[in-house]
Amino acid sequence: MTRFGCNQSECRSPPLERIPENLEDAVIGAVEAEGFKEQGNVYYVKKDYAEAFNFYTKAIDLCPKNASYYGNRAATLMMLSRYREALEDSQQAVRLDDTFMKGHMREGKCHLLLGNAMAASRCFQKVLELEPDNSQVQQELKNAESILEFERLAEISFEKRDFRMVVFCMDRALEPASACHRFKVLKAECLALLGRYPEAQSVASDILRMDSTNGDALYVRGLCLYYEDCIDKAVQFFIQALRMAPDHEKARLACRNAKALKAKKEEGNKAFKEGSFEEAYVLYSEALTIDPNNIKTNAKLYCNRATVGSKLNKLEQAIEDCTKAIKLDETYIKAYLRRAQCYMDTEQYEEAVRDYEKVYQTEKTKEHKNLLKNAQLELKKSKRKDYYKVLGVDKNATEDEIKKAYRKRALMHHPDRHSGASSEVQKEEEKKFKEVGEAFTVLSDPKKKSRYDSGHDLEDDDMNMDFDANNIFKAFFGGPGGFSFEGNSCKANLYLLLIHLLIPCSDCTVNH
C-alpha cells in the first residue's frame, strides 16, 4: 500500500482502449466507396448508365449499409428499363433509411411502371408525409388513380366482350405503366379476339424477348396461331404455356378447343370425300359450336357446310352459310365463288354477277373472268322473255317436245275458247296466245333458237321477228291448204270442238 492509501495496482493509469484492427480498413473502404459513387455520378450525368451501374455496385459492395448508394443504383436501373431490379434497390434503400424521400419516390415510380398502382399509391403517400408540398408526387398519385380506373373499366368491358374498349383502356393505362406485362398481355389477347393478329403477335413477341417464360405471352402467341387456322402450331404454344404456368386455365381451354376443332373438321372432310354428305353436314355443324371466337376456322366450316348443302340441294341454306362465312372473313374468295354458283343455280343472276365482280376485282384470273361473263350473259338472258317458260318446256327440249307444248298452249289460250269470258280475261288470254306464238316462232327455228340460247338480242341481229299469232296457229293446225277460223266452216267448228274437248274452258264448272 502506498501513502495515498491505495494499492499500487489500483493507482495505475487505465490502459488505452484498443483500436480495432479493421477500423482503418473501414475508413479507407468508406472513402473508396464514396469515390466510386462520385465516379458513378459522373457516368450517370454522361448517360453512360451501364458504367454508372458498375461503379454504384462497387460502392455498395464496400458499404452495403448506405441507403443513398442503393438509391443511386435504382435510378440507374430505371434508366436502363430494368424496373424490377430498380424496385428491389429502392426497397432496400428505404429499409435502411425510412426517411429517404427519393427512395420512396423511386419505389413508387417502379411500382407504377410495373402496373402496381395500389403499391405505388402507398409509396407516394409516404413521400407526401415527408414532403407535403411535393408537386411531382401529387401528379404521380393522379396517374396511379387513373390506372386503377382504367383497370376497372377494362374488366367490365372484357366481361361484356367489348374488346375494343379493353384495348383503349390498356393503351391509356400503359402510358404511365409502360413496363406492365399484365396490361400488354390483356391488350394482346383482345387484339387477337378482334382478329388483329399481327398486332397481337407483335405485343406478345416483345414480352417474350424480355421474358421467354411468360406463360400469358405464350398463350397469346398460340391464340393468334389458333385463330389463323394454324392449329398444330397453336397447340405447341398452349402446351409450352402450360409448362410455364400449369394453372393457366385459358391456355388449357384453348388447347382443348383446338384439338377438338381439328378432329371434328377432319371427320367432316373425310365424310365429304366419301360421299356421306348428310354425315358431313352434321359434323361441320357440330364443329361450328366448339368455339364461336375462331373466326377464320368457322368461316371455312361455314363454306364447307355450304358445299355440302349444295350437294344436298339445300341451295338457300348454302347461300346463307356462304354469307355467314363472308361476314366472318370478307376476303374469303372461295365463299364468294360458292355463293355465286348457288345464286346461278337458283337463277338469282344479279346477285351472282355481284359476287363474281367482287372475285374478279380481287383476283383477275382468266377463270374468274369467264365466270363473270357467263353470269352477265345469264342475267341479260333472264331479262328477256323466257320462251321455254312460256311453252312450259325444259331448255333442253327436243323439236317434238316444243311442237307438243305449242299445240297444248295455243289451244289453251286461243281467244275463241274464251269468247264468253269477261273482257279482262279475254285480253289476258289473247296476250298469252301471242306470247305462245312468239315463243314457238323462235324455238322452232334452229337459227333463231341458237341465237336466243346464246343470249343475243334477235331484233338487234336484224332477224325477222314480225309474226301473227293467228297465222302461226293456222299454219300449224291447217296444213298445206291453210286454215281459217272465219266463217262457219266445218273445219273451224271441228277445231273449236277440239279445243273444248282437249282443254277445259275457263268458265266451266265441270269437266267436259
Protein backbone atom coordinates (compact mmCIF):
# COMPACT_ATOMS: atom_id res chain seq x y z
CA MET A 1 0.00 0.00 0.00
CA THR A 2 1.24 3.47 -0.79
CA ARG A 3 1.00 6.54 1.25
CA PHE A 4 -2.14 7.57 -0.60
CA GLY A 5 -3.90 4.59 0.80
CA CYS A 6 -4.33 2.56 -2.33
CA ASN A 7 -2.79 -0.46 -3.83
CA GLN A 8 -0.24 0.04 -6.50
CA SER A 9 -2.36 -1.85 -8.84
CA GLU A 10 -5.31 0.47 -8.24
CA CYS A 11 -3.25 3.58 -8.87
CA ARG A 12 -2.03 2.55 -12.26
CA SER A 13 -3.40 4.58 -15.22
CA PRO A 14 -6.18 2.78 -17.06
CA PRO A 15 -5.00 1.14 -20.28
CA LEU A 16 -5.87 2.89 -23.59
CA GLU A 17 -8.91 1.40 -25.48
CA ARG A 18 -7.64 -0.87 -28.19
CA ILE A 19 -8.30 0.44 -31.71
CA PRO A 20 -9.99 -2.22 -33.87
CA GLU A 21 -7.66 -3.63 -36.38
CA ASN A 22 -10.21 -3.18 -39.23
CA LEU A 23 -11.09 0.45 -38.43
CA GLU A 24 -8.51 1.76 -40.76
CA ASP A 25 -9.79 -0.58 -43.46
CA ALA A 26 -13.34 0.57 -42.80
CA VAL A 27 -12.41 4.21 -43.12
CA ILE A 28 -10.45 3.54 -46.25
CA GLY A 29 -13.37 1.49 -47.59
CA ALA A 30 -15.82 4.28 -46.90
CA VAL A 31 -13.66 6.79 -48.67
CA GLU A 32 -13.13 4.47 -51.57
CA ALA A 33 -16.88 3.76 -51.78
CA GLU A 34 -17.58 7.46 -51.86
CA GLY A 35 -15.12 7.76 -54.70
CA PHE A 36 -16.91 5.00 -56.64
CA LYS A 37 -20.21 6.80 -56.03
CA GLU A 38 -18.77 10.05 -57.37
CA GLN A 39 -17.49 8.25 -60.45
CA GLY A 40 -20.92 6.68 -60.90
CA ASN A 41 -22.46 10.13 -60.72
CA VAL A 42 -20.14 11.34 -63.48
CA TYR A 43 -21.15 8.48 -65.78
CA TYR A 44 -24.81 8.97 -64.89
CA VAL A 45 -24.61 12.61 -65.98
CA LYS A 46 -22.99 11.44 -69.22
CA LYS A 47 -25.91 8.99 -69.64
CA ASP A 48 -23.48 6.08 -69.63
CA TYR A 49 -25.79 4.13 -67.37
CA ALA A 50 -24.03 0.80 -67.73
CA GLU A 51 -20.77 2.24 -66.33
CA ALA A 52 -22.66 4.19 -63.68
CA PHE A 53 -24.29 0.94 -62.60
CA ASN A 54 -20.89 -0.74 -62.29
CA PHE A 55 -19.46 1.99 -60.04
CA TYR A 56 -22.57 2.19 -57.83
CA THR A 57 -22.35 -1.58 -57.43
CA LYS A 58 -18.70 -1.25 -56.33
CA ALA A 59 -19.75 1.39 -53.81
CA ILE A 60 -22.48 -0.90 -52.44
CA ASP A 61 -20.04 -3.80 -52.17
CA LEU A 62 -17.80 -1.64 -49.96
CA CYS A 63 -20.62 -0.02 -47.93
CA PRO A 64 -23.72 -2.24 -48.09
CA LYS A 65 -25.49 -0.21 -45.40
CA ASN A 66 -25.55 3.09 -47.30
CA ALA A 67 -29.12 3.87 -48.46
CA SER A 68 -28.06 6.54 -50.97
CA TYR A 69 -25.91 4.08 -52.91
CA TYR A 70 -28.92 1.78 -53.41
CA GLY A 71 -30.98 4.84 -54.34
CA ASN A 72 -28.45 5.89 -56.98
CA ARG A 73 -28.23 2.40 -58.43
CA ALA A 74 -32.03 2.21 -58.51
CA ALA A 75 -32.13 5.43 -60.53
CA THR A 76 -29.59 3.96 -62.95
CA LEU A 77 -31.50 0.71 -63.31
CA MET A 78 -34.64 2.70 -64.10
CA MET A 79 -32.79 4.46 -66.90
CA LEU A 80 -31.79 1.00 -68.19
CA SER A 81 -35.51 -0.06 -68.06
CA ARG A 82 -34.63 -2.76 -65.51
CA TYR A 83 -37.54 -1.80 -63.29
CA ARG A 84 -37.85 -4.94 -61.20
CA GLU A 85 -34.20 -4.70 -60.13
CA ALA A 86 -34.65 -0.97 -59.55
CA LEU A 87 -37.65 -1.76 -57.34
CA GLU A 88 -35.54 -4.13 -55.20
CA ASP A 89 -32.81 -1.50 -54.75
CA SER A 90 -35.38 1.19 -53.85
CA GLN A 91 -36.96 -1.08 -51.27
CA GLN A 92 -33.56 -1.84 -49.77
CA ALA A 93 -32.79 1.89 -49.64
CA VAL A 94 -35.92 2.72 -47.61
CA ARG A 95 -35.38 -0.29 -45.36
CA LEU A 96 -32.00 1.21 -44.47
CA ASP A 97 -33.43 4.73 -44.12
CA ASP A 98 -37.20 5.14 -43.82
CA THR A 99 -36.84 8.93 -44.17
CA PHE A 100 -35.11 8.59 -47.55
CA MET A 101 -37.67 10.50 -49.65
CA LYS A 102 -36.07 9.73 -53.02
CA GLY A 103 -36.05 6.05 -52.14
CA HIS A 104 -39.81 6.06 -51.53
CA MET A 105 -40.36 8.09 -54.68
CA ARG A 106 -38.35 5.65 -56.82
CA GLU A 107 -40.07 2.66 -55.26
CA GLY A 108 -43.46 4.19 -56.09
CA LYS A 109 -42.38 5.02 -59.61
CA CYS A 110 -41.19 1.45 -60.20
CA HIS A 111 -44.46 0.06 -58.89
CA LEU A 112 -46.33 2.43 -61.21
CA LEU A 113 -44.29 1.49 -64.29
CA LEU A 114 -44.88 -2.20 -63.49
CA GLY A 115 -48.64 -1.60 -63.17
CA ASN A 116 -48.90 -2.00 -59.37
CA ALA A 117 -50.99 1.13 -58.80
CA MET A 118 -52.07 0.32 -55.21
CA ALA A 119 -48.49 -0.26 -54.06
CA ALA A 120 -47.37 2.86 -55.89
CA SER A 121 -50.03 4.94 -54.11
CA ARG A 122 -48.78 3.78 -50.69
CA CYS A 123 -45.23 4.83 -51.58
CA PHE A 124 -46.36 8.22 -52.87
CA GLN A 125 -48.37 8.82 -49.69
CA LYS A 126 -45.19 8.20 -47.69
CA VAL A 127 -43.42 10.83 -49.82
CA LEU A 128 -46.20 13.31 -49.02
CA GLU A 129 -45.72 12.63 -45.33
CA LEU A 130 -42.05 13.57 -45.71
CA GLU A 131 -42.65 16.44 -48.17
CA PRO A 132 -46.29 17.63 -48.12
CA ASP A 133 -45.72 20.21 -50.86
CA ASN A 134 -44.10 17.86 -53.38
CA SER A 135 -45.98 18.63 -56.61
CA GLN A 136 -44.38 15.79 -58.58
CA VAL A 137 -45.70 13.12 -56.24
CA GLN A 138 -49.19 14.64 -56.39
CA GLN A 139 -49.19 14.10 -60.16
CA GLU A 140 -47.94 10.54 -59.73
CA LEU A 141 -50.83 9.86 -57.35
CA LYS A 142 -53.24 11.01 -60.06
CA ASN A 143 -51.54 8.65 -62.51
CA ALA A 144 -51.99 5.77 -60.07
CA GLU A 145 -55.68 6.62 -59.66
CA SER A 146 -56.19 6.73 -63.43
CA ILE A 147 -54.57 3.30 -63.83
CA LEU A 148 -56.93 1.83 -61.24
CA GLU A 149 -59.91 3.34 -63.06
CA PHE A 150 -58.81 2.01 -66.47
CA GLU A 151 -58.24 -1.43 -64.91
CA ARG A 152 -61.77 -1.40 -63.50
CA LEU A 153 -63.32 -0.30 -66.81
CA ALA A 154 -61.29 -2.89 -68.76
CA GLU A 155 -62.50 -5.70 -66.51
CA ILE A 156 -66.15 -4.71 -67.04
CA SER A 157 -65.63 -4.34 -70.80
CA PHE A 158 -63.94 -7.74 -71.10
CA GLU A 159 -66.89 -9.42 -69.43
CA LYS A 160 -69.17 -7.67 -71.95
CA ARG A 161 -66.85 -8.82 -74.77
CA ASP A 162 -66.25 -5.19 -75.71
CA PHE A 163 -62.66 -5.91 -76.69
CA ARG A 164 -62.13 -2.58 -78.44
CA MET A 165 -62.83 -0.78 -75.19
CA VAL A 166 -60.39 -3.05 -73.35
CA VAL A 167 -57.67 -2.20 -75.87
CA PHE A 168 -58.45 1.50 -75.41
CA CYS A 169 -58.23 1.21 -71.61
CA MET A 170 -54.97 -0.71 -71.74
CA ASP A 171 -53.43 1.83 -74.11
CA ARG A 172 -54.31 4.58 -71.64
CA ALA A 173 -53.06 2.60 -68.65
CA LEU A 174 -49.78 1.77 -70.40
CA GLU A 175 -48.91 5.45 -70.77
CA PRO A 176 -47.82 5.71 -67.10
CA ALA A 177 -47.31 1.93 -66.71
CA SER A 178 -45.22 1.24 -69.80
CA ALA A 179 -43.43 -1.80 -68.32
CA CYS A 180 -46.56 -3.66 -67.20
CA HIS A 181 -46.60 -7.07 -68.90
CA ARG A 182 -50.04 -7.77 -67.48
CA PHE A 183 -51.58 -4.82 -69.32
CA LYS A 184 -49.72 -5.69 -72.52
CA VAL A 185 -50.88 -9.29 -72.44
CA LEU A 186 -54.51 -8.28 -71.91
CA LYS A 187 -54.26 -5.86 -74.81
CA ALA A 188 -52.68 -8.54 -77.00
CA GLU A 189 -55.38 -11.07 -76.10
CA CYS A 190 -58.13 -8.60 -77.03
CA LEU A 191 -56.37 -7.72 -80.29
CA ALA A 192 -56.38 -11.43 -81.11
CA LEU A 193 -60.08 -11.69 -80.24
CA LEU A 194 -60.70 -8.73 -82.58
CA GLY A 195 -58.88 -10.53 -85.40
CA ARG A 196 -55.93 -8.10 -85.36
CA TYR A 197 -53.43 -10.94 -85.25
CA PRO A 198 -50.23 -9.19 -86.44
CA GLU A 199 -50.62 -6.52 -83.75
CA ALA A 200 -51.31 -9.13 -81.09
CA GLN A 201 -48.31 -11.22 -82.20
CA SER A 202 -46.07 -8.15 -82.06
CA VAL A 203 -47.04 -7.29 -78.49
CA ALA A 204 -46.64 -10.89 -77.30
CA SER A 205 -43.28 -11.26 -79.05
CA ASP A 206 -41.97 -8.09 -77.39
CA ILE A 207 -42.81 -9.56 -73.99
CA LEU A 208 -41.21 -12.92 -74.81
CA ARG A 209 -37.98 -11.21 -75.90
CA MET A 210 -37.73 -9.84 -72.35
CA ASP A 211 -39.19 -12.88 -70.60
CA SER A 212 -39.21 -16.12 -72.61
CA THR A 213 -41.02 -17.95 -69.78
CA ASN A 214 -44.05 -15.63 -69.67
CA GLY A 215 -46.98 -18.06 -69.82
CA ASP A 216 -49.50 -15.35 -70.71
CA ALA A 217 -47.48 -14.19 -73.72
CA LEU A 218 -47.01 -17.79 -74.87
CA TYR A 219 -50.78 -18.27 -74.60
CA VAL A 220 -51.44 -15.18 -76.77
CA ARG A 221 -48.97 -16.37 -79.40
CA GLY A 222 -50.82 -19.68 -79.50
CA LEU A 223 -54.17 -17.90 -79.61
CA CYS A 224 -53.15 -15.91 -82.69
CA LEU A 225 -52.00 -19.06 -84.50
CA TYR A 226 -55.18 -20.85 -83.47
CA TYR A 227 -57.37 -18.07 -84.84
CA GLU A 228 -55.34 -18.02 -88.06
CA ASP A 229 -56.19 -21.73 -88.50
CA CYS A 230 -52.62 -22.89 -87.77
CA ILE A 231 -53.92 -25.30 -85.18
CA ASP A 232 -50.93 -27.65 -84.85
CA LYS A 233 -48.52 -24.78 -84.12
CA ALA A 234 -51.05 -23.21 -81.77
CA VAL A 235 -51.27 -26.39 -79.70
CA GLN A 236 -47.48 -26.35 -79.27
CA PHE A 237 -47.60 -22.84 -77.79
CA PHE A 238 -50.51 -23.74 -75.49
CA ILE A 239 -48.57 -26.75 -74.19
CA GLN A 240 -45.49 -24.58 -73.64
CA ALA A 241 -47.61 -22.01 -71.77
CA LEU A 242 -48.95 -24.77 -69.53
CA ARG A 243 -45.40 -25.93 -68.78
CA MET A 244 -44.54 -22.41 -67.62
CA ALA A 245 -47.85 -21.94 -65.79
CA PRO A 246 -49.60 -25.27 -65.07
CA ASP A 247 -52.69 -23.49 -63.71
CA HIS A 248 -53.20 -21.34 -66.84
CA GLU A 249 -56.90 -22.10 -67.38
CA LYS A 250 -57.22 -20.11 -70.62
CA ALA A 251 -54.34 -22.00 -72.23
CA ARG A 252 -55.85 -25.31 -71.09
CA LEU A 253 -59.27 -24.46 -72.56
CA ALA A 254 -57.81 -23.16 -75.82
CA CYS A 255 -55.67 -26.28 -76.19
CA ARG A 256 -58.71 -28.50 -75.68
CA ASN A 257 -60.81 -26.49 -78.16
CA ALA A 258 -58.04 -26.50 -80.77
CA LYS A 259 -57.70 -30.28 -80.63
CA ALA A 260 -61.47 -30.82 -80.71
CA LEU A 261 -61.97 -28.41 -83.60
CA LYS A 262 -59.25 -30.00 -85.68
CA ALA A 263 -60.61 -33.50 -85.07
CA LYS A 264 -64.22 -32.59 -85.91
CA LYS A 265 -63.24 -30.69 -89.05
CA GLU A 266 -61.15 -33.62 -90.28
CA GLU A 267 -64.06 -36.01 -89.63
CA GLY A 268 -66.31 -33.78 -91.73
CA ASN A 269 -63.76 -33.60 -94.55
CA LYS A 270 -63.43 -37.40 -94.54
CA ALA A 271 -67.20 -37.89 -94.69
CA PHE A 272 -67.45 -35.43 -97.59
CA LYS A 273 -64.73 -37.19 -99.58
CA GLU A 274 -66.51 -40.50 -99.04
CA GLY A 275 -69.76 -39.02 -100.37
CA SER A 276 -71.53 -39.16 -96.99
CA PHE A 277 -72.97 -35.67 -97.38
CA GLU A 278 -75.62 -35.86 -94.64
CA GLU A 279 -72.99 -37.02 -92.14
CA ALA A 280 -70.56 -34.33 -93.28
CA TYR A 281 -73.27 -31.68 -92.84
CA VAL A 282 -73.85 -32.80 -89.24
CA LEU A 283 -70.12 -32.92 -88.43
CA TYR A 284 -69.46 -29.44 -89.80
CA SER A 285 -72.45 -28.16 -87.80
CA GLU A 286 -71.03 -29.71 -84.62
CA ALA A 287 -67.60 -28.18 -85.31
CA LEU A 288 -69.20 -24.74 -85.57
CA THR A 289 -70.40 -24.98 -81.95
CA ILE A 290 -66.93 -25.58 -80.46
CA ASP A 291 -65.54 -22.04 -80.46
CA PRO A 292 -67.54 -19.06 -81.79
CA ASN A 293 -64.44 -16.84 -81.42
CA ASN A 294 -62.40 -18.74 -84.02
CA ILE A 295 -63.41 -16.55 -86.95
CA LYS A 296 -61.14 -17.92 -89.66
CA THR A 297 -61.77 -21.61 -89.00
CA ASN A 298 -65.50 -21.04 -88.60
CA ALA A 299 -65.58 -19.18 -91.94
CA LYS A 300 -64.07 -22.27 -93.57
CA LEU A 301 -66.53 -24.52 -91.76
CA TYR A 302 -69.49 -22.45 -93.00
CA CYS A 303 -68.13 -22.62 -96.54
CA ASN A 304 -67.59 -26.37 -96.23
CA ARG A 305 -71.14 -26.80 -94.99
CA ALA A 306 -72.39 -24.68 -97.90
CA THR A 307 -70.59 -27.03 -100.31
CA VAL A 308 -72.30 -29.99 -98.69
CA GLY A 309 -75.62 -28.12 -98.71
CA SER A 310 -75.37 -27.54 -102.46
CA LYS A 311 -74.71 -31.26 -102.92
CA LEU A 312 -77.88 -31.96 -100.91
CA ASN A 313 -79.80 -29.37 -102.98
CA LYS A 314 -80.20 -27.13 -99.91
CA LEU A 315 -79.32 -24.13 -102.03
CA GLU A 316 -80.89 -21.39 -99.90
CA GLN A 317 -79.19 -22.80 -96.79
CA ALA A 318 -75.93 -22.95 -98.74
CA ILE A 319 -76.29 -19.28 -99.71
CA GLU A 320 -76.93 -18.39 -96.06
CA ASP A 321 -73.84 -20.32 -94.93
CA CYS A 322 -71.67 -18.57 -97.53
CA THR A 323 -73.00 -15.22 -96.35
CA LYS A 324 -72.04 -16.12 -92.76
CA ALA A 325 -68.56 -17.14 -93.94
CA ILE A 326 -68.12 -13.82 -95.77
CA LYS A 327 -69.34 -11.89 -92.75
CA LEU A 328 -66.59 -13.54 -90.72
CA ASP A 329 -63.93 -13.10 -93.41
CA GLU A 330 -64.64 -10.52 -96.12
CA THR A 331 -61.56 -11.65 -98.08
CA TYR A 332 -62.70 -15.28 -98.37
CA ILE A 333 -62.76 -15.76 -102.17
CA LYS A 334 -63.90 -19.37 -102.01
CA ALA A 335 -67.07 -18.36 -100.13
CA TYR A 336 -67.88 -15.71 -102.76
CA LEU A 337 -67.41 -18.28 -105.53
CA ARG A 338 -69.57 -20.86 -103.78
CA ARG A 339 -72.35 -18.35 -103.13
CA ALA A 340 -72.20 -17.08 -106.70
CA GLN A 341 -72.65 -20.62 -108.03
CA CYS A 342 -75.63 -21.13 -105.73
CA TYR A 343 -77.11 -17.87 -106.99
CA MET A 344 -76.65 -19.14 -110.55
CA ASP A 345 -78.34 -22.44 -109.67
CA THR A 346 -81.32 -20.56 -108.20
CA GLU A 347 -81.41 -18.11 -111.15
CA GLN A 348 -80.53 -15.11 -108.95
CA TYR A 349 -78.29 -13.71 -111.64
CA GLU A 350 -77.88 -10.14 -110.38
CA GLU A 351 -76.55 -11.45 -107.07
CA ALA A 352 -74.27 -13.88 -108.90
CA VAL A 353 -72.85 -11.09 -111.06
CA ARG A 354 -72.19 -9.00 -107.94
CA ASP A 355 -70.22 -11.82 -106.29
CA TYR A 356 -68.24 -12.66 -109.43
CA GLU A 357 -67.37 -8.98 -109.86
CA LYS A 358 -66.03 -8.94 -106.29
CA VAL A 359 -63.95 -12.03 -107.02
CA TYR A 360 -62.60 -10.69 -110.31
CA GLN A 361 -61.64 -7.36 -108.72
CA THR A 362 -59.62 -9.29 -106.14
CA GLU A 363 -58.12 -11.97 -108.39
CA LYS A 364 -58.09 -11.10 -112.08
CA THR A 365 -57.70 -14.62 -113.45
CA LYS A 366 -58.99 -15.97 -116.76
CA GLU A 367 -61.24 -18.42 -114.95
CA HIS A 368 -62.85 -15.69 -112.85
CA LYS A 369 -63.32 -13.52 -115.92
CA ASN A 370 -65.15 -16.32 -117.72
CA LEU A 371 -67.36 -16.96 -114.70
CA LEU A 372 -68.27 -13.27 -114.59
CA LYS A 373 -69.02 -13.13 -118.33
CA ASN A 374 -71.23 -16.20 -118.09
CA ALA A 375 -73.18 -14.71 -115.16
CA GLN A 376 -73.60 -11.42 -117.04
CA LEU A 377 -74.90 -13.34 -120.06
CA GLU A 378 -77.40 -15.27 -117.95
CA LEU A 379 -78.51 -12.01 -116.35
CA LYS A 380 -79.07 -10.48 -119.77
CA LYS A 381 -81.00 -13.56 -120.90
CA SER A 382 -83.11 -13.52 -117.74
CA LYS A 383 -84.35 -10.03 -118.54
CA ARG A 384 -85.85 -11.17 -121.88
CA LYS A 385 -88.98 -13.24 -122.27
CA ASP A 386 -88.27 -16.80 -121.26
CA TYR A 387 -89.69 -18.64 -124.26
CA TYR A 388 -89.04 -22.01 -122.66
CA LYS A 389 -91.10 -20.96 -119.65
CA VAL A 390 -93.86 -19.60 -121.93
CA LEU A 391 -94.18 -23.02 -123.58
CA GLY A 392 -93.60 -24.87 -120.31
CA VAL A 393 -90.64 -26.90 -121.55
CA ASP A 394 -87.09 -27.53 -120.39
CA LYS A 395 -84.19 -25.69 -122.04
CA ASN A 396 -83.01 -28.98 -123.46
CA ALA A 397 -86.43 -29.81 -125.00
CA THR A 398 -86.47 -31.59 -128.39
CA GLU A 399 -88.21 -30.31 -131.51
CA ASP A 400 -91.14 -32.68 -130.97
CA GLU A 401 -91.49 -31.60 -127.33
CA ILE A 402 -91.58 -27.95 -128.43
CA LYS A 403 -94.28 -28.71 -131.00
CA LYS A 404 -96.40 -30.62 -128.50
CA ALA A 405 -96.04 -27.83 -125.96
CA TYR A 406 -97.08 -25.23 -128.55
CA ARG A 407 -100.11 -27.28 -129.55
CA LYS A 408 -101.24 -27.53 -125.93
CA ARG A 409 -100.60 -23.87 -125.02
CA ALA A 410 -102.05 -22.49 -128.26
CA LEU A 411 -105.29 -24.37 -127.75
CA MET A 412 -105.34 -23.40 -124.08
CA HIS A 413 -105.05 -19.66 -124.73
CA HIS A 414 -106.86 -19.31 -128.10
CA PRO A 415 -109.19 -16.27 -127.96
CA ASP A 416 -112.15 -18.20 -129.40
CA ARG A 417 -112.06 -20.53 -126.44
CA HIS A 418 -112.57 -17.58 -124.08
CA SER A 419 -115.16 -15.68 -126.10
CA GLY A 420 -117.68 -15.95 -123.30
CA ALA A 421 -115.31 -14.72 -120.59
CA SER A 422 -115.01 -11.16 -119.23
CA SER A 423 -113.11 -8.56 -121.24
CA GLU A 424 -110.21 -8.66 -118.77
CA VAL A 425 -109.83 -12.42 -119.14
CA GLN A 426 -110.11 -12.16 -122.93
CA LYS A 427 -107.31 -9.57 -123.05
CA GLU A 428 -105.06 -11.66 -120.79
CA GLU A 429 -105.64 -14.84 -122.81
CA GLU A 430 -105.04 -13.00 -126.08
CA LYS A 431 -101.73 -11.73 -124.72
CA LYS A 432 -100.69 -15.24 -123.67
CA PHE A 433 -101.77 -16.59 -127.07
CA LYS A 434 -99.47 -14.10 -128.81
CA GLU A 435 -96.57 -14.95 -126.44
CA VAL A 436 -97.02 -18.67 -127.21
CA GLY A 437 -96.85 -17.92 -130.91
CA GLU A 438 -93.75 -15.75 -130.44
CA ALA A 439 -92.04 -18.43 -128.39
CA PHE A 440 -92.81 -21.11 -130.97
CA THR A 441 -91.57 -18.87 -133.81
CA VAL A 442 -88.15 -18.59 -132.14
CA LEU A 443 -87.72 -22.07 -130.69
CA SER A 444 -88.90 -23.90 -133.81
CA ASP A 445 -86.35 -22.10 -135.98
CA PRO A 446 -82.86 -23.63 -135.41
CA LYS A 447 -81.01 -20.42 -136.27
CA LYS A 448 -83.17 -18.19 -134.10
CA LYS A 449 -83.13 -20.72 -131.27
CA SER A 450 -79.31 -20.86 -131.35
CA ARG A 451 -79.02 -17.08 -131.23
CA TYR A 452 -81.60 -16.90 -128.46
CA ASP A 453 -79.84 -19.56 -126.38
CA SER A 454 -76.53 -17.71 -126.70
CA GLY A 455 -78.09 -14.56 -125.27
CA HIS A 456 -78.25 -12.43 -128.40
CA ASP A 457 -81.00 -9.91 -128.94
CA LEU A 458 -82.77 -11.22 -132.04
CA GLU A 459 -84.16 -7.81 -133.04
CA ASP A 460 -80.68 -6.26 -132.84
CA ASP A 461 -79.42 -9.07 -135.10
CA ASP A 462 -81.80 -7.92 -137.91
CA MET A 463 -83.67 -11.22 -137.74
CA ASN A 464 -87.31 -11.10 -138.87
CA MET A 465 -89.35 -11.05 -135.67
CA ASP A 466 -92.64 -9.92 -137.29
CA PHE A 467 -95.30 -12.56 -136.94
CA ASP A 468 -99.03 -13.00 -136.50
CA ALA A 469 -100.16 -15.43 -133.82
CA ASN A 470 -103.24 -16.40 -135.79
CA ASN A 471 -101.18 -17.11 -138.92
CA ILE A 472 -98.83 -19.31 -136.89
CA PHE A 473 -101.80 -21.14 -135.44
CA LYS A 474 -103.37 -21.61 -138.87
CA ALA A 475 -100.12 -22.81 -140.38
CA PHE A 476 -99.57 -25.26 -137.54
CA PHE A 477 -103.09 -26.71 -137.47
CA GLY A 478 -104.27 -26.06 -141.02
CA GLY A 479 -101.69 -27.95 -143.02
CA PRO A 480 -100.70 -27.10 -146.61
CA GLY A 481 -104.02 -25.56 -147.57
CA GLY A 482 -104.05 -23.11 -144.73
CA PHE A 483 -106.74 -22.70 -142.10
CA SER A 484 -109.19 -20.02 -141.00
CA PHE A 485 -111.50 -19.62 -138.04
CA GLU A 486 -113.50 -17.09 -140.01
CA GLY A 487 -116.98 -18.10 -141.11
CA ASN A 488 -118.80 -21.24 -140.12
CA SER A 489 -116.73 -23.78 -141.99
CA CYS A 490 -116.88 -27.38 -140.84
CA LYS A 491 -113.14 -27.32 -140.24
CA ALA A 492 -113.46 -24.32 -137.95
CA ASN A 493 -116.20 -25.94 -135.97
CA LEU A 494 -114.15 -29.10 -135.71
CA TYR A 495 -111.19 -27.25 -134.22
CA LEU A 496 -113.37 -25.34 -131.81
CA LEU A 497 -114.80 -28.66 -130.68
CA LEU A 498 -111.23 -29.98 -130.37
CA ILE A 499 -110.29 -27.04 -128.14
CA HIS A 500 -113.17 -27.71 -125.77
CA LEU A 501 -112.53 -31.44 -125.72
CA LEU A 502 -108.79 -31.17 -125.03
CA ILE A 503 -108.77 -28.20 -122.63
CA PRO A 504 -111.50 -27.42 -120.07
CA CYS A 505 -112.83 -23.89 -120.63
CA SER A 506 -112.10 -21.27 -118.03
CA ASP A 507 -115.75 -20.58 -117.18
CA CYS A 508 -116.92 -24.22 -116.90
CA THR A 509 -117.73 -25.69 -113.53
CA VAL A 510 -117.37 -29.30 -114.61
CA ASN A 511 -115.01 -31.09 -116.96
CA HIS A 512 -116.35 -31.81 -120.49
